[in-house]
Amino acid sequence: MKEALIKRCFILYELILHAVVEPRLRALLLRLGGARIGKNVRVYSIRIINPVSGFRNLHIDDNAHVGTDCLLDLSGEIHIGKGATLAPRVIILTHADAGEFHHNPVCQAFPSKTEGVVIGAYSWIGAGSTLLAGSGTGEKCVIGAMSLVTKVLPGKSVHAGIPTRQIRCLEGI
């Protein structure tokens, strides 16, 4: 009962976040709610799901930008590195569940899992991209718009597609 009440409080807190227009103020409110937010972080209107542990699974380093309509699953940890940019409508999922609570038999083949997602410093995640549980990027990695990231991608490289494939290297930056 207590856990359900706490979850409802965080859902209410998220509704308050939607009412805040200023991105830096939204970042401050996330910090006050338990997230670890660095300096000069801008968080536009986002959607948070599964705030079971509140906002403490969210880590955003200095000078990062989280674009409008991003969806963040806080079942597991999300770490957004220094100077990283999430374009609008990026989805970050930290869990996969085919319906374990409802005893879906598909779960026998696809058991539930929760794994964090790490986005390396100075990476750029293109609009509409999805990062699945356990995936992420190294530093200075670029993900093309509408891409699906299913694993950890190396830094200093450009990736795109469903699932992503490496397009080119960015050595020298």
N, C-alpha and C. Protein backbone atom coordinates (compact mmCIF):
# COMPACT_ATOMS: atom_id res chain seq x y z
N MET A 1 0.82 -1.20 0.00
CA MET A 1 0.00 0.00 0.00
C MET A 1 0.87 1.26 0.00
N LYS A 2 1.91 1.25 0.86
CA LYS A 2 2.78 2.41 0.96
C LYS A 2 3.51 2.64 -0.37
N GLU A 3 3.95 1.55 -1.02
CA GLU A 3 4.65 1.66 -2.31
C GLU A 3 3.74 2.27 -3.37
N ALA A 4 2.48 1.88 -3.38
CA ALA A 4 1.53 2.43 -4.35
C ALA A 4 1.31 3.92 -4.11
N LEU A 5 1.27 4.33 -2.86
CA LEU A 5 1.09 5.75 -2.53
C LEU A 5 2.31 6.56 -2.98
N ILE A 6 3.50 6.01 -2.74
CA ILE A 6 4.73 6.70 -3.16
C ILE A 6 4.75 6.84 -4.68
N LYS A 7 4.39 5.79 -5.39
CA LYS A 7 4.36 5.84 -6.86
C LYS A 7 3.38 6.90 -7.34
N ARG A 8 2.23 6.99 -6.70
CA ARG A 8 1.23 8.01 -7.08
C ARG A 8 1.77 9.41 -6.84
N CYS A 9 2.53 9.59 -5.77
CA CYS A 9 3.13 10.89 -5.48
C CYS A 9 4.11 11.29 -6.58
N PHE A 10 4.91 10.34 -7.05
CA PHE A 10 5.85 10.66 -8.12
C PHE A 10 5.13 10.94 -9.43
N ILE A 11 4.03 10.27 -9.67
CA ILE A 11 3.23 10.55 -10.87
C ILE A 11 2.67 11.97 -10.79
N LEU A 12 2.20 12.36 -9.62
CA LEU A 12 1.71 13.72 -9.40
C LEU A 12 2.85 14.73 -9.60
N TYR A 13 4.01 14.41 -9.08
CA TYR A 13 5.18 15.27 -9.23
C TYR A 13 5.51 15.45 -10.71
N GLU A 14 5.39 14.38 -11.48
CA GLU A 14 5.65 14.47 -12.92
C GLU A 14 4.64 15.42 -13.59
N LEU A 15 3.40 15.38 -13.16
CA LEU A 15 2.40 16.30 -13.72
C LEU A 15 2.79 17.75 -13.44
N ILE A 16 3.34 17.99 -12.27
CA ILE A 16 3.81 19.34 -11.94
C ILE A 16 4.96 19.73 -12.87
N LEU A 17 5.84 18.77 -13.17
CA LEU A 17 6.95 19.04 -14.09
C LEU A 17 6.44 19.50 -15.46
N HIS A 18 5.31 18.93 -15.90
CA HIS A 18 4.74 19.32 -17.20
C HIS A 18 4.24 20.76 -17.20
N ALA A 19 3.84 21.24 -16.04
CA ALA A 19 3.33 22.60 -15.94
C ALA A 19 4.44 23.64 -15.98
N VAL A 20 5.66 23.23 -15.71
CA VAL A 20 6.81 24.14 -15.71
C VAL A 20 7.28 24.34 -17.15
N VAL A 21 7.39 25.60 -17.54
CA VAL A 21 7.74 25.91 -18.92
C VAL A 21 9.25 26.01 -19.11
N GLU A 22 9.95 26.54 -18.15
CA GLU A 22 11.39 26.79 -18.26
C GLU A 22 12.20 25.51 -18.09
N PRO A 23 13.00 25.10 -19.10
CA PRO A 23 13.76 23.85 -19.05
C PRO A 23 14.75 23.75 -17.89
N ARG A 24 15.41 24.85 -17.53
CA ARG A 24 16.37 24.79 -16.42
C ARG A 24 15.65 24.64 -15.08
N LEU A 25 14.47 25.23 -14.96
CA LEU A 25 13.67 25.06 -13.74
C LEU A 25 13.18 23.61 -13.64
N ARG A 26 12.81 23.01 -14.76
CA ARG A 26 12.39 21.60 -14.76
C ARG A 26 13.55 20.71 -14.30
N ALA A 27 14.76 21.03 -14.76
CA ALA A 27 15.94 20.27 -14.31
C ALA A 27 16.13 20.42 -12.80
N LEU A 28 15.93 21.62 -12.28
CA LEU A 28 16.03 21.84 -10.84
C LEU A 28 14.99 21.03 -10.08
N LEU A 29 13.77 21.00 -10.57
CA LEU A 29 12.71 20.21 -9.92
C LEU A 29 13.02 18.72 -9.95
N LEU A 30 13.60 18.24 -11.04
CA LEU A 30 14.02 16.83 -11.09
C LEU A 30 15.09 16.56 -10.03
N ARG A 31 16.03 17.50 -9.88
CA ARG A 31 17.07 17.37 -8.87
C ARG A 31 16.44 17.31 -7.48
N LEU A 32 15.49 18.18 -7.22
CA LEU A 32 14.81 18.19 -5.92
C LEU A 32 14.02 16.89 -5.69
N GLY A 33 13.61 16.25 -6.79
CA GLY A 33 12.87 14.99 -6.70
C GLY A 33 13.76 13.77 -6.59
N GLY A 34 15.09 13.96 -6.55
CA GLY A 34 15.99 12.84 -6.34
C GLY A 34 16.91 12.52 -7.51
N ALA A 35 16.70 13.13 -8.67
CA ALA A 35 17.58 12.89 -9.82
C ALA A 35 18.92 13.59 -9.58
N ARG A 36 19.96 13.07 -10.19
CA ARG A 36 21.27 13.72 -10.12
C ARG A 36 21.44 14.52 -11.41
N ILE A 37 21.34 15.82 -11.28
CA ILE A 37 21.35 16.71 -12.43
C ILE A 37 22.53 17.67 -12.28
N GLY A 38 23.35 17.76 -13.33
CA GLY A 38 24.51 18.64 -13.32
C GLY A 38 24.14 20.09 -13.56
N LYS A 39 25.15 20.89 -13.82
CA LYS A 39 24.98 22.32 -14.06
C LYS A 39 24.61 22.57 -15.52
N ASN A 40 23.85 23.63 -15.74
CA ASN A 40 23.47 24.09 -17.07
C ASN A 40 22.78 23.00 -17.89
N VAL A 41 21.93 22.23 -17.24
CA VAL A 41 21.16 21.18 -17.91
C VAL A 41 19.81 21.74 -18.31
N ARG A 42 19.38 21.41 -19.53
CA ARG A 42 18.07 21.81 -20.01
C ARG A 42 17.23 20.57 -20.27
N VAL A 43 16.09 20.50 -19.60
CA VAL A 43 15.17 19.38 -19.78
C VAL A 43 13.83 19.98 -20.22
N TYR A 44 13.47 19.71 -21.45
CA TYR A 44 12.20 20.21 -21.96
C TYR A 44 11.08 19.28 -21.51
N SER A 45 9.89 19.47 -21.96
CA SER A 45 8.74 18.68 -21.52
C SER A 45 8.97 17.20 -21.87
N ILE A 46 9.09 16.37 -20.85
CA ILE A 46 9.38 14.95 -21.03
C ILE A 46 8.29 14.11 -20.39
N ARG A 47 8.33 12.84 -20.67
CA ARG A 47 7.40 11.87 -20.07
C ARG A 47 8.25 10.84 -19.33
N ILE A 48 7.91 10.56 -18.09
CA ILE A 48 8.63 9.58 -17.29
C ILE A 48 7.69 8.43 -16.98
N ILE A 49 8.18 7.21 -17.21
CA ILE A 49 7.40 6.03 -16.84
C ILE A 49 8.18 5.22 -15.81
N ASN A 50 7.46 4.46 -15.02
CA ASN A 50 8.02 3.57 -13.99
C ASN A 50 8.92 4.27 -12.99
N PRO A 51 8.44 5.33 -12.36
CA PRO A 51 9.27 5.99 -11.35
C PRO A 51 9.20 5.24 -10.01
N VAL A 52 9.44 3.93 -10.05
CA VAL A 52 9.33 3.07 -8.86
C VAL A 52 10.26 3.55 -7.76
N SER A 53 11.45 4.00 -8.13
CA SER A 53 12.43 4.50 -7.16
C SER A 53 12.45 6.02 -7.18
N GLY A 54 11.37 6.62 -7.59
CA GLY A 54 11.35 8.07 -7.74
C GLY A 54 12.17 8.45 -8.95
N PHE A 55 12.92 9.53 -8.83
CA PHE A 55 13.72 10.02 -9.95
C PHE A 55 15.21 9.72 -9.75
N ARG A 56 15.55 8.94 -8.72
CA ARG A 56 16.97 8.71 -8.42
C ARG A 56 17.70 7.86 -9.46
N ASN A 57 16.98 7.20 -10.36
CA ASN A 57 17.64 6.44 -11.44
C ASN A 57 18.02 7.32 -12.62
N LEU A 58 17.76 8.61 -12.52
CA LEU A 58 18.07 9.54 -13.61
C LEU A 58 19.32 10.35 -13.26
N HIS A 59 20.34 10.26 -14.12
CA HIS A 59 21.60 10.99 -13.94
C HIS A 59 21.87 11.77 -15.22
N ILE A 60 21.92 13.07 -15.11
CA ILE A 60 22.21 13.91 -16.28
C ILE A 60 23.39 14.81 -15.92
N ASP A 61 24.49 14.67 -16.66
CA ASP A 61 25.69 15.44 -16.38
C ASP A 61 25.60 16.86 -16.93
N ASP A 62 26.59 17.68 -16.58
CA ASP A 62 26.64 19.09 -16.96
C ASP A 62 26.42 19.31 -18.46
N ASN A 63 25.76 20.41 -18.76
CA ASN A 63 25.58 20.92 -20.13
C ASN A 63 24.83 19.98 -21.06
N ALA A 64 24.06 19.04 -20.52
CA ALA A 64 23.27 18.13 -21.36
C ALA A 64 21.93 18.76 -21.71
N HIS A 65 21.34 18.24 -22.77
CA HIS A 65 20.07 18.75 -23.29
C HIS A 65 19.14 17.57 -23.55
N VAL A 66 17.94 17.60 -22.95
CA VAL A 66 16.93 16.56 -23.18
C VAL A 66 15.75 17.24 -23.86
N GLY A 67 15.53 16.87 -25.12
CA GLY A 67 14.55 17.54 -25.96
C GLY A 67 13.09 17.25 -25.61
N THR A 68 12.23 17.96 -26.26
CA THR A 68 10.79 17.88 -26.05
C THR A 68 10.25 16.48 -26.36
N ASP A 69 9.32 16.03 -25.54
CA ASP A 69 8.60 14.76 -25.72
C ASP A 69 9.46 13.51 -25.61
N CYS A 70 10.62 13.60 -24.96
CA CYS A 70 11.40 12.39 -24.73
C CYS A 70 10.68 11.54 -23.69
N LEU A 71 10.79 10.22 -23.82
CA LEU A 71 10.19 9.26 -22.89
C LEU A 71 11.32 8.54 -22.17
N LEU A 72 11.35 8.66 -20.85
CA LEU A 72 12.40 8.05 -20.04
C LEU A 72 11.79 7.02 -19.11
N ASP A 73 12.26 5.78 -19.21
CA ASP A 73 11.82 4.67 -18.36
C ASP A 73 12.79 4.57 -17.20
N LEU A 74 12.33 4.87 -15.99
CA LEU A 74 13.21 4.88 -14.83
C LEU A 74 13.16 3.59 -14.03
N SER A 75 12.81 2.47 -14.68
CA SER A 75 12.90 1.16 -14.01
C SER A 75 14.35 0.88 -13.64
N GLY A 76 15.26 1.17 -14.55
CA GLY A 76 16.70 1.04 -14.33
C GLY A 76 17.33 2.42 -14.47
N GLU A 77 18.64 2.46 -14.29
CA GLU A 77 19.34 3.75 -14.35
C GLU A 77 19.52 4.24 -15.78
N ILE A 78 19.36 5.54 -15.93
CA ILE A 78 19.67 6.23 -17.19
C ILE A 78 20.75 7.25 -16.85
N HIS A 79 21.85 7.17 -17.58
CA HIS A 79 22.93 8.13 -17.39
C HIS A 79 23.17 8.85 -18.72
N ILE A 80 22.96 10.16 -18.70
CA ILE A 80 23.17 10.99 -19.88
C ILE A 80 24.44 11.80 -19.63
N GLY A 81 25.46 11.56 -20.43
CA GLY A 81 26.78 12.14 -20.21
C GLY A 81 26.86 13.63 -20.46
N LYS A 82 27.97 14.19 -20.02
CA LYS A 82 28.25 15.61 -20.14
C LYS A 82 28.13 16.07 -21.59
N GLY A 83 27.37 17.15 -21.81
CA GLY A 83 27.25 17.74 -23.13
C GLY A 83 26.45 16.93 -24.13
N ALA A 84 25.83 15.84 -23.69
CA ALA A 84 25.04 15.01 -24.62
C ALA A 84 23.73 15.71 -24.97
N THR A 85 23.21 15.40 -26.17
CA THR A 85 21.96 15.98 -26.64
C THR A 85 21.01 14.87 -27.05
N LEU A 86 19.81 14.91 -26.48
CA LEU A 86 18.72 14.05 -26.92
C LEU A 86 17.76 14.93 -27.70
N ALA A 87 17.59 14.65 -28.98
CA ALA A 87 16.66 15.41 -29.81
C ALA A 87 15.23 15.07 -29.38
N PRO A 88 14.22 15.76 -29.91
CA PRO A 88 12.84 15.48 -29.53
C PRO A 88 12.42 14.04 -29.78
N ARG A 89 11.57 13.55 -28.90
CA ARG A 89 10.91 12.24 -29.00
C ARG A 89 11.85 11.04 -28.94
N VAL A 90 12.98 11.19 -28.29
CA VAL A 90 13.85 10.05 -28.05
C VAL A 90 13.21 9.20 -26.96
N ILE A 91 13.27 7.88 -27.11
CA ILE A 91 12.73 6.95 -26.12
C ILE A 91 13.88 6.15 -25.53
N ILE A 92 13.96 6.14 -24.20
CA ILE A 92 14.97 5.33 -23.52
C ILE A 92 14.23 4.35 -22.61
N LEU A 93 14.34 3.06 -22.94
CA LEU A 93 13.69 2.01 -22.15
C LEU A 93 14.75 1.26 -21.35
N THR A 94 14.49 1.05 -20.06
CA THR A 94 15.45 0.33 -19.23
C THR A 94 14.89 -1.01 -18.78
N HIS A 95 13.73 -1.36 -19.27
CA HIS A 95 13.21 -2.69 -18.94
C HIS A 95 12.46 -3.26 -20.14
N ALA A 96 12.35 -4.58 -20.14
CA ALA A 96 11.56 -5.29 -21.15
C ALA A 96 10.70 -6.30 -20.40
N ASP A 97 9.42 -6.29 -20.66
CA ASP A 97 8.49 -7.17 -19.94
C ASP A 97 7.32 -7.49 -20.85
N ALA A 98 7.19 -8.76 -21.22
CA ALA A 98 6.11 -9.20 -22.12
C ALA A 98 4.78 -9.39 -21.40
N GLY A 99 4.76 -9.18 -20.10
CA GLY A 99 3.52 -9.31 -19.34
C GLY A 99 3.63 -10.28 -18.18
N GLU A 100 4.75 -10.25 -17.48
CA GLU A 100 4.98 -11.16 -16.35
C GLU A 100 3.90 -11.02 -15.28
N PHE A 101 3.47 -9.80 -14.99
CA PHE A 101 2.45 -9.56 -13.97
C PHE A 101 1.15 -10.29 -14.31
N HIS A 102 0.87 -10.42 -15.60
CA HIS A 102 -0.37 -11.06 -16.07
C HIS A 102 -0.15 -12.53 -16.45
N HIS A 103 1.05 -13.05 -16.11
CA HIS A 103 1.39 -14.45 -16.37
C HIS A 103 1.30 -14.81 -17.86
N ASN A 104 1.75 -13.89 -18.70
CA ASN A 104 1.76 -14.13 -20.14
C ASN A 104 2.74 -15.27 -20.44
N PRO A 105 2.31 -16.34 -21.11
CA PRO A 105 3.21 -17.45 -21.40
C PRO A 105 4.40 -17.08 -22.29
N VAL A 106 4.31 -15.98 -23.01
CA VAL A 106 5.41 -15.52 -23.85
C VAL A 106 6.65 -15.20 -22.98
N CYS A 107 6.42 -14.89 -21.72
CA CYS A 107 7.53 -14.58 -20.81
C CYS A 107 8.48 -15.76 -20.63
N GLN A 108 8.02 -16.99 -20.92
CA GLN A 108 8.91 -18.15 -20.84
C GLN A 108 10.03 -18.04 -21.87
N ALA A 109 9.71 -17.51 -23.03
CA ALA A 109 10.71 -17.33 -24.08
C ALA A 109 11.44 -16.00 -23.96
N PHE A 110 10.75 -15.00 -23.41
CA PHE A 110 11.31 -13.66 -23.28
C PHE A 110 11.16 -13.19 -21.84
N PRO A 111 12.03 -13.65 -20.94
CA PRO A 111 11.90 -13.26 -19.53
C PRO A 111 12.11 -11.75 -19.34
N SER A 112 11.49 -11.23 -18.32
CA SER A 112 11.62 -9.80 -18.01
C SER A 112 13.06 -9.48 -17.65
N LYS A 113 13.47 -8.26 -17.99
CA LYS A 113 14.80 -7.81 -17.61
C LYS A 113 14.80 -6.31 -17.38
N THR A 114 15.70 -5.88 -16.54
CA THR A 114 15.91 -4.45 -16.29
C THR A 114 17.41 -4.20 -16.38
N GLU A 115 17.79 -3.30 -17.27
CA GLU A 115 19.20 -2.93 -17.45
C GLU A 115 19.27 -1.45 -17.75
N GLY A 116 20.29 -0.81 -17.22
CA GLY A 116 20.47 0.62 -17.43
C GLY A 116 20.88 0.97 -18.85
N VAL A 117 20.81 2.25 -19.15
CA VAL A 117 21.24 2.80 -20.44
C VAL A 117 22.20 3.95 -20.15
N VAL A 118 23.34 3.93 -20.83
CA VAL A 118 24.34 4.99 -20.66
C VAL A 118 24.56 5.67 -22.01
N ILE A 119 24.43 6.98 -22.02
CA ILE A 119 24.71 7.77 -23.21
C ILE A 119 26.00 8.54 -22.93
N GLY A 120 27.00 8.29 -23.74
CA GLY A 120 28.32 8.88 -23.51
C GLY A 120 28.35 10.39 -23.67
N ALA A 121 29.38 10.99 -23.09
CA ALA A 121 29.56 12.43 -23.15
C ALA A 121 29.61 12.91 -24.60
N TYR A 122 29.00 14.04 -24.84
CA TYR A 122 29.00 14.73 -26.14
C TYR A 122 28.37 13.91 -27.27
N SER A 123 27.53 12.95 -26.91
CA SER A 123 26.82 12.19 -27.94
C SER A 123 25.56 12.95 -28.35
N TRP A 124 25.06 12.60 -29.54
CA TRP A 124 23.86 13.23 -30.07
C TRP A 124 22.93 12.12 -30.52
N ILE A 125 21.76 12.05 -29.90
CA ILE A 125 20.77 11.03 -30.23
C ILE A 125 19.69 11.70 -31.08
N GLY A 126 19.52 11.26 -32.32
CA GLY A 126 18.60 11.88 -33.27
C GLY A 126 17.14 11.71 -32.91
N ALA A 127 16.33 12.60 -33.43
CA ALA A 127 14.89 12.64 -33.15
C ALA A 127 14.22 11.30 -33.42
N GLY A 128 13.37 10.90 -32.49
CA GLY A 128 12.57 9.69 -32.66
C GLY A 128 13.32 8.39 -32.49
N SER A 129 14.56 8.43 -32.04
CA SER A 129 15.33 7.20 -31.85
C SER A 129 14.91 6.50 -30.56
N THR A 130 15.12 5.19 -30.52
CA THR A 130 14.80 4.38 -29.34
C THR A 130 16.04 3.63 -28.90
N LEU A 131 16.31 3.70 -27.59
CA LEU A 131 17.40 2.93 -27.00
C LEU A 131 16.78 1.91 -26.07
N LEU A 132 17.08 0.63 -26.29
CA LEU A 132 16.51 -0.46 -25.49
C LEU A 132 17.37 -0.73 -24.26
N ALA A 133 16.79 -1.44 -23.29
CA ALA A 133 17.46 -1.79 -22.05
C ALA A 133 18.82 -2.43 -22.32
N GLY A 134 19.86 -1.94 -21.63
CA GLY A 134 21.19 -2.48 -21.78
C GLY A 134 21.99 -1.88 -22.92
N SER A 135 21.38 -1.00 -23.69
CA SER A 135 22.08 -0.38 -24.82
C SER A 135 22.71 0.93 -24.38
N GLY A 136 23.35 1.61 -25.30
CA GLY A 136 23.94 2.89 -24.99
C GLY A 136 24.96 3.28 -26.02
N THR A 137 25.73 4.32 -25.70
CA THR A 137 26.74 4.83 -26.62
C THR A 137 28.02 5.14 -25.87
N GLY A 138 29.11 5.12 -26.60
CA GLY A 138 30.36 5.65 -26.09
C GLY A 138 30.34 7.16 -26.24
N GLU A 139 31.46 7.80 -25.94
CA GLU A 139 31.55 9.26 -26.06
C GLU A 139 31.55 9.69 -27.53
N LYS A 140 30.97 10.85 -27.77
CA LYS A 140 30.95 11.48 -29.11
C LYS A 140 30.37 10.56 -30.16
N CYS A 141 29.27 9.92 -29.83
CA CYS A 141 28.58 9.02 -30.74
C CYS A 141 27.35 9.73 -31.30
N VAL A 142 27.08 9.57 -32.57
CA VAL A 142 25.92 10.17 -33.21
C VAL A 142 24.99 9.05 -33.66
N ILE A 143 23.71 9.19 -33.30
CA ILE A 143 22.68 8.23 -33.69
C ILE A 143 21.71 8.96 -34.61
N GLY A 144 21.53 8.46 -35.81
CA GLY A 144 20.63 9.08 -36.78
C GLY A 144 19.18 9.05 -36.31
N ALA A 145 18.38 9.95 -36.82
CA ALA A 145 16.97 10.04 -36.46
C ALA A 145 16.25 8.72 -36.75
N MET A 146 15.29 8.38 -35.91
CA MET A 146 14.41 7.21 -36.06
C MET A 146 15.18 5.89 -36.03
N SER A 147 16.29 5.84 -35.30
CA SER A 147 17.10 4.63 -35.21
C SER A 147 16.72 3.80 -34.00
N LEU A 148 17.07 2.51 -34.01
CA LEU A 148 16.83 1.60 -32.91
C LEU A 148 18.18 1.09 -32.41
N VAL A 149 18.52 1.44 -31.17
CA VAL A 149 19.78 1.03 -30.57
C VAL A 149 19.51 -0.18 -29.68
N THR A 150 20.15 -1.30 -29.97
CA THR A 150 19.91 -2.55 -29.25
C THR A 150 21.11 -3.02 -28.45
N LYS A 151 22.25 -2.32 -28.59
CA LYS A 151 23.47 -2.72 -27.89
C LYS A 151 24.28 -1.47 -27.58
N VAL A 152 25.40 -1.63 -26.91
CA VAL A 152 26.28 -0.49 -26.63
C VAL A 152 27.12 -0.22 -27.88
N LEU A 153 27.05 1.00 -28.37
CA LEU A 153 27.73 1.40 -29.59
C LEU A 153 29.04 2.12 -29.26
N PRO A 154 30.06 1.95 -30.07
CA PRO A 154 31.35 2.60 -29.79
C PRO A 154 31.26 4.11 -29.98
N GLY A 155 32.12 4.80 -29.27
CA GLY A 155 32.20 6.26 -29.39
C GLY A 155 32.86 6.67 -30.68
N LYS A 156 32.84 7.98 -30.93
CA LYS A 156 33.45 8.58 -32.12
C LYS A 156 33.02 7.88 -33.39
N SER A 157 31.68 7.67 -33.50
CA SER A 157 31.15 7.00 -34.68
C SER A 157 29.72 7.45 -34.93
N VAL A 158 29.25 7.24 -36.15
CA VAL A 158 27.89 7.58 -36.55
C VAL A 158 27.15 6.28 -36.85
N HIS A 159 25.94 6.15 -36.30
CA HIS A 159 25.12 4.95 -36.47
C HIS A 159 23.71 5.37 -36.88
N ALA A 160 23.06 4.52 -37.68
CA ALA A 160 21.67 4.80 -38.06
C ALA A 160 21.02 3.49 -38.48
N GLY A 161 19.68 3.49 -38.47
CA GLY A 161 18.93 2.35 -38.96
C GLY A 161 18.20 1.58 -37.89
N ILE A 162 17.49 0.53 -38.34
CA ILE A 162 16.70 -0.33 -37.47
C ILE A 162 17.08 -1.77 -37.76
N PRO A 163 17.87 -2.42 -36.92
CA PRO A 163 18.65 -1.82 -35.83
C PRO A 163 19.80 -1.00 -36.40
N THR A 164 20.46 -0.26 -35.53
CA THR A 164 21.53 0.62 -36.00
C THR A 164 22.68 -0.17 -36.59
N ARG A 165 23.32 0.46 -37.54
CA ARG A 165 24.58 -0.06 -38.08
C ARG A 165 25.51 1.14 -38.22
N GLN A 166 26.79 0.88 -38.12
CA GLN A 166 27.75 1.96 -38.18
C GLN A 166 27.84 2.50 -39.61
N ILE A 167 27.75 3.82 -39.72
CA ILE A 167 27.82 4.52 -41.00
C ILE A 167 29.25 4.99 -41.27
N ARG A 168 29.88 5.54 -40.23
CA ARG A 168 31.25 6.02 -40.39
C ARG A 168 31.88 6.28 -39.04
N CYS A 169 33.19 6.46 -39.05
CA CYS A 169 33.95 6.81 -37.84
C CYS A 169 34.12 8.31 -37.77
N LEU A 170 34.27 8.79 -36.56
CA LEU A 170 34.50 10.23 -36.34
C LEU A 170 35.84 10.45 -35.65
N GLU A 171 36.86 9.74 -36.06
CA GLU A 171 38.18 9.90 -35.46
C GLU A 171 38.64 11.34 -35.69
N GLY A 172 39.39 11.84 -34.73
CA GLY A 172 39.93 13.19 -34.86
C GLY A 172 39.06 14.26 -34.21
N ILE A 173 37.92 13.88 -33.65
CA ILE A 173 37.12 14.92 -32.96
C ILE A 173 37.20 14.73 -31.46
